């Protein structure tokens, strides 16, 4: 008679722990009562954004989080859970999750981890209203570009004004001449 966990479960926990070590954020969602098409709609939108979304078994997920060095919040590991794991911009994941929580009555935000720090459902919603990484980069590029654009306008104005002055002198001499 074999004692201990099944090898496939041990392997799953190890893979999940490794995945958690490399992520920027994880979000726990409740999905009980959602239809399969509704859950697939959420999954597909997250997948398009590069966010891993998977229904989890709480006991195995809890072991994986512990193995990855997270402080465990017991409330997250209760009930039917689906986990969204972001490896890039956590704001984008929070925006998508918040949008679906507003649209689908039975899709719940339970909380999550930003890095390895626990965040509440309210903090996930607050995160969702921040500008995304792409928006911040666009603003930064615009801020950097603005002084350069003004300098180009000033520098191009000098030769333009010189041409106007020389043209005016030419016209004056022609009238006098």
Protein backbone atom coordinates (compact mmCIF):
# COMPACT_ATOMS: atom_id res chain seq x y z
CA UNK A 1 0.00 0.00 0.00
CA UNK A 2 1.45 3.35 -1.14
CA UNK A 3 1.63 6.30 1.26
CA UNK A 4 1.98 9.97 0.37
CA UNK A 5 0.83 12.06 -2.57
CA UNK A 6 0.57 10.75 -6.09
CA UNK A 7 3.62 11.53 -8.28
CA UNK A 8 1.53 13.50 -10.81
CA UNK A 9 0.24 15.76 -8.01
CA UNK A 10 3.77 16.33 -6.70
CA UNK A 11 4.87 17.19 -10.24
CA UNK A 12 1.92 19.60 -10.70
CA UNK A 13 2.73 21.39 -7.42
CA UNK A 14 6.41 21.74 -8.43
CA UNK A 15 5.49 23.13 -11.88
CA UNK A 16 2.96 25.51 -10.38
CA UNK A 17 5.47 26.72 -7.77
CA UNK A 18 8.00 27.38 -10.52
CA UNK A 19 5.37 29.30 -12.52
CA UNK A 20 4.52 31.38 -9.44
CA UNK A 21 8.16 32.30 -8.86
CA UNK A 22 8.35 34.01 -12.25
CA UNK A 23 5.05 35.90 -12.25
CA UNK A 24 4.32 39.56 -11.49
CA UNK A 25 0.82 38.99 -10.08
CA UNK A 26 -1.76 36.31 -9.35
CA UNK A 27 -5.49 36.92 -8.97
CA UNK A 28 -7.99 34.56 -7.38
CA UNK A 29 -11.47 34.57 -8.86
CA UNK A 30 -14.65 32.76 -7.97
CA UNK A 31 -16.46 31.23 -10.89
CA UNK A 32 -19.17 29.05 -9.30
CA UNK A 33 -22.43 29.39 -11.19
CA UNK A 34 -20.87 30.63 -14.44
CA UNK A 35 -21.75 28.81 -17.62
CA UNK A 36 -18.98 27.24 -19.67
CA UNK A 37 -19.29 29.89 -22.45
CA UNK A 38 -19.00 32.67 -19.84
CA UNK A 39 -15.91 31.11 -18.28
CA UNK A 40 -14.39 30.55 -21.72
CA UNK A 41 -15.04 34.20 -22.61
CA UNK A 42 -13.02 35.29 -19.55
CA UNK A 43 -10.30 32.72 -20.28
CA UNK A 44 -9.99 33.76 -23.95
CA UNK A 45 -9.69 37.47 -23.19
CA UNK A 46 -7.03 36.82 -20.55
CA UNK A 47 -5.19 34.48 -22.91
CA UNK A 48 -5.10 37.19 -25.62
CA UNK A 49 -3.42 39.46 -23.07
CA UNK A 50 -0.85 36.75 -22.28
CA UNK A 51 -2.36 35.89 -18.91
CA UNK A 52 -2.58 32.26 -17.80
CA UNK A 53 -6.06 31.39 -16.41
CA UNK A 54 -6.79 28.02 -14.88
CA UNK A 55 -9.29 26.41 -12.52
CA UNK A 56 -7.32 25.12 -9.54
CA UNK A 57 -7.63 22.60 -6.76
CA UNK A 58 -7.21 24.58 -3.57
CA UNK A 59 -5.12 22.07 -1.63
CA UNK A 60 -2.61 21.62 -4.47
CA UNK A 61 -2.51 25.35 -5.23
CA UNK A 62 -1.94 26.13 -1.56
CA UNK A 63 1.04 23.76 -1.51
CA UNK A 64 2.43 25.39 -4.67
CA UNK A 65 2.10 28.88 -3.19
CA UNK A 66 3.81 27.74 0.02
CA UNK A 67 6.61 26.10 -1.98
CA UNK A 68 7.05 29.32 -3.98
CA UNK A 69 7.49 31.31 -0.76
CA UNK A 70 4.15 33.12 -0.52
CA UNK A 71 2.47 33.97 2.78
CA UNK A 72 -0.79 32.07 2.67
CA UNK A 73 -4.09 33.88 3.09
CA UNK A 74 -6.51 31.06 3.96
CA UNK A 75 -9.54 32.95 2.62
CA UNK A 76 -8.20 32.75 -0.94
CA UNK A 77 -8.13 28.95 -0.89
CA UNK A 78 -11.82 28.43 -0.10
CA UNK A 79 -14.55 27.59 -2.59
CA UNK A 80 -14.30 27.16 -6.33
CA UNK A 81 -11.27 29.10 -7.58
CA UNK A 82 -9.79 30.04 -10.90
CA UNK A 83 -6.37 31.63 -10.89
CA UNK A 84 -5.13 34.31 -13.29
CA UNK A 85 -1.33 34.51 -13.47
CA UNK A 86 0.29 37.52 -15.12
CA UNK A 87 3.93 37.49 -16.20
CA UNK A 88 3.95 41.00 -17.64
CA UNK A 89 1.64 43.87 -16.71
CA UNK A 90 -0.47 43.15 -13.61
CA UNK A 91 -2.64 46.19 -14.33
CA UNK A 92 -3.85 44.68 -17.61
CA UNK A 93 -4.89 41.47 -15.84
CA UNK A 94 -6.67 43.44 -13.11
CA UNK A 95 -8.53 45.50 -15.74
CA UNK A 96 -9.80 42.39 -17.53
CA UNK A 97 -10.82 40.66 -14.29
CA UNK A 98 -12.59 43.76 -12.99
CA UNK A 99 -14.44 44.20 -16.29
CA UNK A 100 -15.76 40.64 -16.19
CA UNK A 101 -16.64 40.89 -12.49
CA UNK A 102 -18.81 43.90 -13.36
CA UNK A 103 -20.42 42.15 -16.34
CA UNK A 104 -20.93 38.69 -14.84
CA UNK A 105 -22.74 38.64 -11.52
CA UNK A 106 -21.27 35.27 -10.47
CA UNK A 107 -17.66 36.05 -11.40
CA UNK A 108 -16.01 37.23 -8.17
CA UNK A 109 -12.71 38.88 -7.39
CA UNK A 110 -11.37 37.18 -4.25
CA UNK A 111 -8.00 38.93 -4.04
CA UNK A 112 -4.53 37.93 -5.04
CA UNK A 113 -0.85 38.67 -4.84
CA UNK A 114 1.07 41.53 -6.39
CA UNK A 115 4.51 40.00 -6.47
CA UNK A 116 4.33 38.02 -3.25
CA UNK A 117 2.35 40.64 -1.34
CA UNK A 118 -1.31 39.84 -0.64
CA UNK A 119 -3.86 42.29 -2.06
CA UNK A 120 -7.54 42.40 -1.20
CA UNK A 121 -10.41 42.43 -3.73
CA UNK A 122 -10.67 46.21 -3.28
CA UNK A 123 -6.97 46.62 -4.00
CA UNK A 124 -7.36 44.53 -7.17
CA UNK A 125 -10.11 46.93 -8.27
CA UNK A 126 -7.89 49.92 -7.41
CA UNK A 127 -5.07 48.38 -9.44
CA UNK A 128 -7.44 48.07 -12.40
CA UNK A 129 -7.97 51.84 -12.62
CA UNK A 130 -4.25 52.61 -12.92
CA UNK A 131 -2.82 53.24 -16.37
CA UNK A 132 -1.33 50.13 -17.96
CA UNK A 133 2.38 49.74 -18.67
CA UNK A 134 1.78 50.54 -22.35
CA UNK A 135 -0.11 53.74 -21.45
CA UNK A 136 2.65 54.82 -19.06
CA UNK A 137 5.34 54.19 -21.70
CA UNK A 138 3.34 56.23 -24.24
CA UNK A 139 3.07 59.13 -21.75
CA UNK A 140 6.79 58.91 -21.00
CA UNK A 141 7.71 58.94 -24.69
CA UNK A 142 5.37 61.91 -25.21
CA UNK A 143 6.98 63.75 -22.29
CA UNK A 144 10.46 63.06 -23.62
CA UNK A 145 9.46 64.01 -27.17
CA UNK A 146 7.77 67.34 -26.28
CA UNK A 147 10.95 69.34 -25.46
CA UNK A 148 12.71 67.88 -28.50
CA UNK A 149 9.77 68.86 -30.72
CA UNK A 150 9.80 72.41 -29.31
CA UNK A 151 13.56 72.65 -29.91
CA UNK A 152 13.10 71.51 -33.52
CA UNK A 153 10.39 74.16 -34.01
CA UNK A 154 12.63 76.87 -32.55
CA UNK A 155 15.64 75.80 -34.59
CA UNK A 156 13.63 75.58 -37.81
CA UNK A 157 12.19 79.02 -37.08
CA UNK A 158 15.62 80.69 -37.19
CA UNK A 159 16.42 79.76 -40.83
CA UNK A 160 12.81 80.44 -41.81
CA UNK A 161 12.97 83.93 -40.31
CA UNK A 162 16.36 84.52 -41.95
CA UNK A 163 14.84 83.67 -45.33
CA UNK A 164 11.98 86.12 -44.67
CA UNK A 165 14.44 88.89 -43.73
CA UNK A 166 16.65 88.27 -46.78
CA UNK A 167 13.58 88.20 -49.01
CA UNK A 168 12.37 91.50 -47.54
CA UNK A 169 15.81 93.07 -48.13
CA UNK A 170 15.79 91.80 -51.72
CA UNK A 171 12.33 93.25 -52.36
CA UNK A 172 13.34 96.61 -50.81
CA UNK A 173 16.45 96.82 -52.99
CA UNK A 174 14.42 95.95 -56.10
CA UNK A 175 11.98 98.79 -55.33
CA UNK A 176 14.85 101.22 -54.72
CA UNK A 177 16.88 100.02 -57.51
